Amino acid sequence: MDVINIWKPYYHLDSFFRVMTALASIGTAIALLKYTPEIILIPNAEEFRGINIKLQEPIVLLNQKEEQLRIAQIQLSKINEELEKR
C-alpha cells in the first residue's frame, strides 16, 4: 500500500490494511503464547541424533535375530524334507 500511496493518496485504505495486519499479528501472538510450551518440548537436532544413535543398537540386534530366524527356518525346512522322504 505504501507504493500505491506514492501515486494516489489512499490513506484510509492503507490504514485499513495496517489494522487488518495488526489483528492478524495479535492472533498469531496469542496462538504462539498458547503453543509455546509444546514447541519448547520438541527435541532439538542434537537430541534427535542422540535418540537415533540409541535406536541403532536395537535395530542391529533385530537384524541379527532376523538372520538367525531365517537360518533356523532354512534348517527346519531341510529337516522337514528329510522327514517327508522317510
PDB file of N, CA and C in Angstrom:
ATOM      1  N   MET A   1       0.821  -1.188   0.000  1.00  0.00           N
ATOM      2  CA  MET A   1       0.000   0.000   0.000  1.00  0.00           C
ATOM      3  C   MET A   1       0.868   1.256   0.000  1.00  0.00           C
ATOM      4  N   ASP A   2       2.055   1.200   0.591  1.00  0.00           N
ATOM      5  CA  ASP A   2       2.912   2.383   0.612  1.00  0.00           C
ATOM      6  C   ASP A   2       3.318   2.792  -0.799  1.00  0.00           C
ATOM      7  N   VAL A   3       3.550   1.828  -1.660  1.00  0.00           N
ATOM      8  CA  VAL A   3       3.909   2.133  -3.041  1.00  0.00           C
ATOM      9  C   VAL A   3       2.732   2.801  -3.749  1.00  0.00           C
ATOM     10  N   ILE A   4       1.534   2.307  -3.520  1.00  0.00           N
ATOM     11  CA  ILE A   4       0.346   2.911  -4.137  1.00  0.00           C
ATOM     12  C   ILE A   4       0.139   4.325  -3.608  1.00  0.00           C
ATOM     13  N   ASN A   5       0.406   4.538  -2.332  1.00  0.00           N
ATOM     14  CA  ASN A   5       0.219   5.862  -1.740  1.00  0.00           C
ATOM     15  C   ASN A   5       1.164   6.906  -2.322  1.00  0.00           C
ATOM     16  N   ILE A   6       2.226   6.481  -2.962  1.00  0.00           N
ATOM     17  CA  ILE A   6       3.123   7.440  -3.608  1.00  0.00           C
ATOM     18  C   ILE A   6       2.389   8.149  -4.738  1.00  0.00           C
ATOM     19  N   TRP A   7       1.599   7.401  -5.516  1.00  0.00           N
ATOM     20  CA  TRP A   7       0.902   7.981  -6.657  1.00  0.00           C
ATOM     21  C   TRP A   7      -0.510   8.475  -6.308  1.00  0.00           C
ATOM     22  N   LYS A   8      -1.224   7.704  -5.520  1.00  0.00           N
ATOM     23  CA  LYS A   8      -2.602   8.067  -5.149  1.00  0.00           C
ATOM     24  C   LYS A   8      -2.711   8.048  -3.624  1.00  0.00           C
ATOM     25  N   PRO A   9      -3.247   9.068  -3.025  1.00  0.00           N
ATOM     26  CA  PRO A   9      -3.321   9.123  -1.552  1.00  0.00           C
ATOM     27  C   PRO A   9      -4.532   8.359  -0.990  1.00  0.00           C
ATOM     28  N   TYR A  10      -4.420   7.029  -0.965  1.00  0.00           N
ATOM     29  CA  TYR A  10      -5.492   6.191  -0.390  1.00  0.00           C
ATOM     30  C   TYR A  10      -5.156   5.876   1.070  1.00  0.00           C
ATOM     31  N   TYR A  11      -5.087   6.890   1.896  1.00  0.00           N
ATOM     32  CA  TYR A  11      -4.644   6.713   3.271  1.00  0.00           C
ATOM     33  C   TYR A  11      -5.633   5.904   4.116  1.00  0.00           C
ATOM     34  N   HIS A  12      -6.907   6.042   3.819  1.00  0.00           N
ATOM     35  CA  HIS A  12      -7.907   5.274   4.570  1.00  0.00           C
ATOM     36  C   HIS A  12      -7.776   3.785   4.264  1.00  0.00           C
ATOM     37  N   LEU A  13      -7.562   3.451   3.002  1.00  0.00           N
ATOM     38  CA  LEU A  13      -7.378   2.050   2.618  1.00  0.00           C
ATOM     39  C   LEU A  13      -6.080   1.506   3.209  1.00  0.00           C
ATOM     40  N   ASP A  14      -5.042   2.336   3.197  1.00  0.00           N
ATOM     41  CA  ASP A  14      -3.759   1.949   3.788  1.00  0.00           C
ATOM     42  C   ASP A  14      -3.938   1.675   5.278  1.00  0.00           C
ATOM     43  N   SER A  15      -4.657   2.537   5.957  1.00  0.00           N
ATOM     44  CA  SER A  15      -4.906   2.329   7.395  1.00  0.00           C
ATOM     45  C   SER A  15      -5.702   1.055   7.640  1.00  0.00           C
ATOM     46  N   PHE A  16      -6.678   0.777   6.772  1.00  0.00           N
ATOM     47  CA  PHE A  16      -7.468  -0.446   6.918  1.00  0.00           C
ATOM     48  C   PHE A  16      -6.569  -1.682   6.829  1.00  0.00           C
ATOM     49  N   PHE A  17      -5.675  -1.702   5.835  1.00  0.00           N
ATOM     50  CA  PHE A  17      -4.777  -2.850   5.687  1.00  0.00           C
ATOM     51  C   PHE A  17      -3.817  -2.972   6.870  1.00  0.00           C
ATOM     52  N   ARG A  18      -3.381  -1.846   7.394  1.00  0.00           N
ATOM     53  CA  ARG A  18      -2.493  -1.893   8.560  1.00  0.00           C
ATOM     54  C   ARG A  18      -3.221  -2.439   9.795  1.00  0.00           C
ATOM     55  N   VAL A  19      -4.478  -2.056   9.967  1.00  0.00           N
ATOM     56  CA  VAL A  19      -5.272  -2.581  11.084  1.00  0.00           C
ATOM     57  C   VAL A  19      -5.491  -4.078  10.914  1.00  0.00           C
ATOM     58  N   MET A  20      -5.813  -4.517   9.690  1.00  0.00           N
ATOM     59  CA  MET A  20      -6.013  -5.953   9.439  1.00  0.00           C
ATOM     60  C   MET A  20      -4.723  -6.731   9.716  1.00  0.00           C
ATOM     61  N   THR A  21      -3.595  -6.181   9.301  1.00  0.00           N
ATOM     62  CA  THR A  21      -2.305  -6.828   9.560  1.00  0.00           C
ATOM     63  C   THR A  21      -2.025  -6.900  11.058  1.00  0.00           C
ATOM     64  N   ALA A  22      -2.342  -5.837  11.773  1.00  0.00           N
ATOM     65  CA  ALA A  22      -2.142  -5.827  13.224  1.00  0.00           C
ATOM     66  C   ALA A  22      -3.013  -6.873  13.905  1.00  0.00           C
ATOM     67  N   LEU A  23      -4.257  -7.002  13.474  1.00  0.00           N
ATOM     68  CA  LEU A  23      -5.147  -8.012  14.059  1.00  0.00           C
ATOM     69  C   LEU A  23      -4.619  -9.424  13.791  1.00  0.00           C
ATOM     70  N   ALA A  24      -4.132  -9.641  12.584  1.00  0.00           N
ATOM     71  CA  ALA A  24      -3.563 -10.957  12.277  1.00  0.00           C
ATOM     72  C   ALA A  24      -2.328 -11.216  13.135  1.00  0.00           C
ATOM     73  N   SER A  25      -1.527 -10.201  13.367  1.00  0.00           N
ATOM     74  CA  SER A  25      -0.332 -10.351  14.205  1.00  0.00           C
ATOM     75  C   SER A  25      -0.710 -10.645  15.651  1.00  0.00           C
ATOM     76  N   ILE A  26      -1.755  -9.993  16.132  1.00  0.00           N
ATOM     77  CA  ILE A  26      -2.216 -10.256  17.505  1.00  0.00           C
ATOM     78  C   ILE A  26      -2.705 -11.698  17.617  1.00  0.00           C
ATOM     79  N   GLY A  27      -3.451 -12.160  16.623  1.00  0.00           N
ATOM     80  CA  GLY A  27      -3.908 -13.558  16.634  1.00  0.00           C
ATOM     81  C   GLY A  27      -2.745 -14.528  16.615  1.00  0.00           C
ATOM     82  N   THR A  28      -1.735 -14.219  15.835  1.00  0.00           N
ATOM     83  CA  THR A  28      -0.546 -15.074  15.789  1.00  0.00           C
ATOM     84  C   THR A  28       0.170 -15.078  17.134  1.00  0.00           C
ATOM     85  N   ALA A  29       0.290 -13.909  17.754  1.00  0.00           N
ATOM     86  CA  ALA A  29       0.956 -13.825  19.057  1.00  0.00           C
ATOM     87  C   ALA A  29       0.205 -14.634  20.110  1.00  0.00           C
ATOM     88  N   ILE A  30      -1.117 -14.565  20.096  1.00  0.00           N
ATOM     89  CA  ILE A  30      -1.922 -15.343  21.047  1.00  0.00           C
ATOM     90  C   ILE A  30      -1.726 -16.840  20.807  1.00  0.00           C
ATOM     91  N   ALA A  31      -1.727 -17.245  19.540  1.00  0.00           N
ATOM     92  CA  ALA A  31      -1.521 -18.670  19.221  1.00  0.00           C
ATOM     93  C   ALA A  31      -0.142 -19.124  19.668  1.00  0.00           C
ATOM     94  N   LEU A  32       0.862 -18.272  19.471  1.00  0.00           N
ATOM     95  CA  LEU A  32       2.212 -18.636  19.908  1.00  0.00           C
ATOM     96  C   LEU A  32       2.303 -18.764  21.420  1.00  0.00           C
ATOM     97  N   LEU A  33       1.631 -17.877  22.137  1.00  0.00           N
ATOM     98  CA  LEU A  33       1.629 -17.990  23.599  1.00  0.00           C
ATOM     99  C   LEU A  33       0.991 -19.306  24.037  1.00  0.00           C
ATOM    100  N   LYS A  34      -0.046 -19.714  23.333  1.00  0.00           N
ATOM    101  CA  LYS A  34      -0.742 -20.954  23.690  1.00  0.00           C
ATOM    102  C   LYS A  34       0.127 -22.181  23.413  1.00  0.00           C
ATOM    103  N   TYR A  35       0.838 -22.171  22.290  1.00  0.00           N
ATOM    104  CA  TYR A  35       1.579 -23.364  21.873  1.00  0.00           C
ATOM    105  C   TYR A  35       3.066 -23.343  22.222  1.00  0.00           C
ATOM    106  N   THR A  36       3.567 -22.262  22.806  1.00  0.00           N
ATOM    107  CA  THR A  36       4.986 -22.168  23.134  1.00  0.00           C
ATOM    108  C   THR A  36       5.464 -23.293  24.052  1.00  0.00           C
ATOM    109  N   PRO A  37       4.739 -23.660  25.121  1.00  0.00           N
ATOM    110  CA  PRO A  37       5.228 -24.773  25.955  1.00  0.00           C
ATOM    111  C   PRO A  37       5.380 -26.083  25.159  1.00  0.00           C
ATOM    112  N   GLU A  38       4.466 -26.332  24.237  1.00  0.00           N
ATOM    113  CA  GLU A  38       4.566 -27.544  23.422  1.00  0.00           C
ATOM    114  C   GLU A  38       5.723 -27.448  22.444  1.00  0.00           C
ATOM    115  N   ILE A  39       5.938 -26.270  21.896  1.00  0.00           N
ATOM    116  CA  ILE A  39       7.032 -26.083  20.946  1.00  0.00           C
ATOM    117  C   ILE A  39       8.373 -26.261  21.639  1.00  0.00           C
ATOM    118  N   ILE A  40       8.479 -25.790  22.857  1.00  0.00           N
ATOM    119  CA  ILE A  40       9.737 -25.911  23.596  1.00  0.00           C
ATOM    120  C   ILE A  40      10.066 -27.378  23.869  1.00  0.00           C
ATOM    121  N   LEU A  41       9.059 -28.219  24.024  1.00  0.00           N
ATOM    122  CA  LEU A  41       9.291 -29.633  24.321  1.00  0.00           C
ATOM    123  C   LEU A  41       9.769 -30.428  23.107  1.00  0.00           C
ATOM    124  N   ILE A  42       9.677 -29.854  21.913  1.00  0.00           N
ATOM    125  CA  ILE A  42      10.144 -30.555  20.712  1.00  0.00           C
ATOM    126  C   ILE A  42      11.657 -30.702  20.808  1.00  0.00           C
ATOM    127  N   PRO A  43      12.176 -31.926  20.661  1.00  0.00           N
ATOM    128  CA  PRO A  43      13.625 -32.118  20.771  1.00  0.00           C
ATOM    129  C   PRO A  43      14.372 -31.350  19.673  1.00  0.00           C
ATOM    130  N   ASN A  44      15.562 -30.887  20.029  1.00  0.00           N
ATOM    131  CA  ASN A  44      16.377 -30.211  19.023  1.00  0.00           C
ATOM    132  C   ASN A  44      17.160 -31.244  18.212  1.00  0.00           C
ATOM    133  N   ALA A  45      17.937 -30.789  17.255  1.00  0.00           N
ATOM    134  CA  ALA A  45      18.647 -31.700  16.350  1.00  0.00           C
ATOM    135  C   ALA A  45      19.620 -32.600  17.111  1.00  0.00           C
ATOM    136  N   GLU A  46      20.296 -32.060  18.109  1.00  0.00           N
ATOM    137  CA  GLU A  46      21.264 -32.856  18.870  1.00  0.00           C
ATOM    138  C   GLU A  46      20.559 -33.974  19.643  1.00  0.00           C
ATOM    139  N   GLU A  47      19.402 -33.687  20.212  1.00  0.00           N
ATOM    140  CA  GLU A  47      18.643 -34.722  20.929  1.00  0.00           C
ATOM    141  C   GLU A  47      18.158 -35.797  19.958  1.00  0.00           C
ATOM    142  N   PHE A  48      17.735 -35.383  18.755  1.00  0.00           N
ATOM    143  CA  PHE A  48      17.331 -36.363  17.751  1.00  0.00           C
ATOM    144  C   PHE A  48      18.498 -37.260  17.351  1.00  0.00           C
ATOM    145  N   ARG A  49      19.688 -36.688  17.232  1.00  0.00           N
ATOM    146  CA  ARG A  49      20.873 -37.502  16.905  1.00  0.00           C
ATOM    147  C   ARG A  49      21.134 -38.527  18.005  1.00  0.00           C
ATOM    148  N   GLY A  50      21.021 -38.075  19.272  1.00  0.00           N
ATOM    149  CA  GLY A  50      21.237 -38.999  20.391  1.00  0.00           C
ATOM    150  C   GLY A  50      20.220 -40.121  20.398  1.00  0.00           C
ATOM    151  N   ILE A  51      18.968 -39.792  20.150  1.00  0.00           N
ATOM    152  CA  ILE A  51      17.920 -40.811  20.092  1.00  0.00           C
ATOM    153  C   ILE A  51      18.181 -41.775  18.949  1.00  0.00           C
ATOM    154  N   ASN A  52      18.598 -41.231  17.803  1.00  0.00           N
ATOM    155  CA  ASN A  52      18.887 -42.064  16.637  1.00  0.00           C
ATOM    156  C   ASN A  52      20.027 -43.034  16.932  1.00  0.00           C
ATOM    157  N   ILE A  53      21.062 -42.556  17.606  1.00  0.00           N
ATOM    158  CA  ILE A  53      22.188 -43.429  17.956  1.00  0.00           C
ATOM    159  C   ILE A  53      21.725 -44.530  18.911  1.00  0.00           C
ATOM    160  N   LYS A  54      20.882 -44.177  19.884  1.00  0.00           N
ATOM    161  CA  LYS A  54      20.367 -45.175  20.826  1.00  0.00           C
ATOM    162  C   LYS A  54      19.510 -46.226  20.114  1.00  0.00           C
ATOM    163  N   LEU A  55      18.813 -45.832  19.060  1.00  0.00           N
ATOM    164  CA  LEU A  55      17.949 -46.775  18.336  1.00  0.00           C
ATOM    165  C   LEU A  55      18.724 -47.666  17.374  1.00  0.00           C
ATOM    166  N   GLN A  56      19.945 -47.290  17.047  1.00  0.00           N
ATOM    167  CA  GLN A  56      20.730 -48.098  16.112  1.00  0.00           C
ATOM    168  C   GLN A  56      21.050 -49.478  16.697  1.00  0.00           C
ATOM    169  N   GLU A  57      21.372 -49.547  17.975  1.00  0.00           N
ATOM    170  CA  GLU A  57      21.709 -50.831  18.612  1.00  0.00           C
ATOM    171  C   GLU A  57      20.543 -51.823  18.561  1.00  0.00           C
ATOM    172  N   PRO A  58      19.322 -51.436  18.946  1.00  0.00           N
ATOM    173  CA  PRO A  58      18.213 -52.389  18.824  1.00  0.00           C
ATOM    174  C   PRO A  58      17.950 -52.809  17.379  1.00  0.00           C
ATOM    175  N   ILE A  59      18.180 -51.897  16.440  1.00  0.00           N
ATOM    176  CA  ILE A  59      17.974 -52.250  15.035  1.00  0.00           C
ATOM    177  C   ILE A  59      18.980 -53.312  14.613  1.00  0.00           C
ATOM    178  N   VAL A  60      20.226 -53.149  15.018  1.00  0.00           N
ATOM    179  CA  VAL A  60      21.252 -54.143  14.696  1.00  0.00           C
ATOM    180  C   VAL A  60      20.895 -55.489  15.323  1.00  0.00           C
ATOM    181  N   LEU A  61      20.451 -55.469  16.587  1.00  0.00           N
ATOM    182  CA  LEU A  61      20.060 -56.712  17.251  1.00  0.00           C
ATOM    183  C   LEU A  61      18.879 -57.372  16.544  1.00  0.00           C
ATOM    184  N   LEU A  62      17.909 -56.569  16.127  1.00  0.00           N
ATOM    185  CA  LEU A  62      16.758 -57.127  15.406  1.00  0.00           C
ATOM    186  C   LEU A  62      17.182 -57.741  14.076  1.00  0.00           C
ATOM    187  N   ASN A  63      18.092 -57.080  13.389  1.00  0.00           N
ATOM    188  CA  ASN A  63      18.584 -57.639  12.124  1.00  0.00           C
ATOM    189  C   ASN A  63      19.311 -58.958  12.349  1.00  0.00           C
ATOM    190  N   GLN A  64      20.099 -59.038  13.431  1.00  0.00           N
ATOM    191  CA  GLN A  64      20.785 -60.299  13.745  1.00  0.00           C
ATOM    192  C   GLN A  64      19.780 -61.398  14.067  1.00  0.00           C
ATOM    193  N   LYS A  65      18.769 -61.069  14.873  1.00  0.00           N
ATOM    194  CA  LYS A  65      17.742 -62.061  15.213  1.00  0.00           C
ATOM    195  C   LYS A  65      16.975 -62.502  13.971  1.00  0.00           C
ATOM    196  N   GLU A  66      16.720 -61.556  13.077  1.00  0.00           N
ATOM    197  CA  GLU A  66      16.020 -61.902  11.837  1.00  0.00           C
ATOM    198  C   GLU A  66      16.852 -62.854  10.996  1.00  0.00           C
ATOM    199  N   GLU A  67      18.153 -62.610  10.928  1.00  0.00           N
ATOM    200  CA  GLU A  67      19.039 -63.500  10.184  1.00  0.00           C
ATOM    201  C   GLU A  67      19.083 -64.888  10.831  1.00  0.00           C
ATOM    202  N   GLN A  68      19.140 -64.941  12.169  1.00  0.00           N
ATOM    203  CA  GLN A  68      19.125 -66.222  12.875  1.00  0.00           C
ATOM    204  C   GLN A  68      17.812 -66.968  12.606  1.00  0.00           C
ATOM    205  N   LEU A  69      16.713 -66.233  12.605  1.00  0.00           N
ATOM    206  CA  LEU A  69      15.416 -66.846  12.331  1.00  0.00           C
ATOM    207  C   LEU A  69      15.357 -67.390  10.912  1.00  0.00           C
ATOM    208  N   ARG A  70      15.905 -66.631   9.962  1.00  0.00           N
ATOM    209  CA  ARG A  70      15.919 -67.087   8.566  1.00  0.00           C
ATOM    210  C   ARG A  70      16.736 -68.370   8.430  1.00  0.00           C
ATOM    211  N   ILE A  71      17.893 -68.418   9.096  1.00  0.00           N
ATOM    212  CA  ILE A  71      18.729 -69.622   9.061  1.00  0.00           C
ATOM    213  C   ILE A  71      18.005 -70.794   9.706  1.00  0.00           C
ATOM    214  N   ALA A  72      17.325 -70.548  10.833  1.00  0.00           N
ATOM    215  CA  ALA A  72      16.586 -71.607  11.519  1.00  0.00           C
ATOM    216  C   ALA A  72      15.447 -72.124  10.644  1.00  0.00           C
ATOM    217  N   GLN A  73      14.791 -71.230   9.904  1.00  0.00           N
ATOM    218  CA  GLN A  73      13.711 -71.660   9.014  1.00  0.00           C
ATOM    219  C   GLN A  73      14.248 -72.525   7.875  1.00  0.00           C
ATOM    220  N   ILE A  74      15.408 -72.160   7.361  1.00  0.00           N
ATOM    221  CA  ILE A  74      16.015 -72.976   6.304  1.00  0.00           C
ATOM    222  C   ILE A  74      16.363 -74.361   6.850  1.00  0.00           C
ATOM    223  N   GLN A  75      16.952 -74.407   8.033  1.00  0.00           N
ATOM    224  CA  GLN A  75      17.291 -75.686   8.650  1.00  0.00           C
ATOM    225  C   GLN A  75      16.035 -76.503   8.919  1.00  0.00           C
ATOM    226  N   LEU A  76      14.995 -75.859   9.396  1.00  0.00           N
ATOM    227  CA  LEU A  76      13.742 -76.560   9.671  1.00  0.00           C
ATOM    228  C   LEU A  76      13.133 -77.121   8.404  1.00  0.00           C
ATOM    229  N   SER A  77      13.192 -76.351   7.319  1.00  0.00           N
ATOM    230  CA  SER A  77      12.619 -76.876   6.080  1.00  0.00           C
ATOM    231  C   SER A  77      13.445 -78.051   5.556  1.00  0.00           C
ATOM    232  N   LYS A  78      14.775 -78.031   5.747  1.00  0.00           N
ATOM    233  CA  LYS A  78      15.610 -79.180   5.339  1.00  0.00           C
ATOM    234  C   LYS A  78      15.262 -80.412   6.168  1.00  0.00           C
ATOM    235  N   ILE A  79      15.091 -80.232   7.483  1.00  0.00           N
ATOM    236  CA  ILE A  79      14.723 -81.347   8.355  1.00  0.00           C
ATOM    237  C   ILE A  79      13.355 -81.882   7.959  1.00  0.00           C
ATOM    238  N   ASN A  80      12.435 -80.970   7.646  1.00  0.00           N
ATOM    239  CA  ASN A  80      11.087 -81.365   7.219  1.00  0.00           C
ATOM    240  C   ASN A  80      11.145 -82.179   5.932  1.00  0.00           C
ATOM    241  N   GLU A  81      11.979 -81.776   4.985  1.00  0.00           N
ATOM    242  CA  GLU A  81      12.126 -82.535   3.732  1.00  0.00           C
ATOM    243  C   GLU A  81      12.670 -83.932   4.001  1.00  0.00           C
ATOM    244  N   GLU A  82      13.649 -84.018   4.895  1.00  0.00           N
ATOM    245  CA  GLU A  82      14.217 -85.344   5.239  1.00  0.00           C
ATOM    246  C   GLU A  82      13.148 -86.226   5.864  1.00  0.00           C
ATOM    247  N   LEU A  83      12.340 -85.667   6.760  1.00  0.00           N
ATOM    248  CA  LEU A  83      11.283 -86.453   7.387  1.00  0.00           C
ATOM    249  C   LEU A  83      10.255 -86.918   6.368  1.00  0.00           C
ATOM    250  N   GLU A  84       9.925 -86.078   5.400  1.00  0.00           N
ATOM    251  CA  GLU A  84       8.971 -86.469   4.387  1.00  0.00           C
ATOM    252  C   GLU A  84       9.519 -87.568   3.495  1.00  0.00           C
ATOM    253  N   LYS A  85      10.825 -87.555   3.260  1.00  0.00           N
ATOM    254  CA  LYS A  85      11.439 -88.631   2.458  1.00  0.00           C
ATOM    255  C   LYS A  85      11.373 -89.967   3.173  1.00  0.00           C
ATOM    256  N   ARG A  86      11.516 -89.963   4.500  1.00  0.00           N
ATOM    257  CA  ARG A  86      11.486 -91.199   5.268  1.00  0.00           C
ATOM    258  C   ARG A  86      10.082 -91.729   5.279  1.00  0.00           C
TER     259      ARG A  86
END
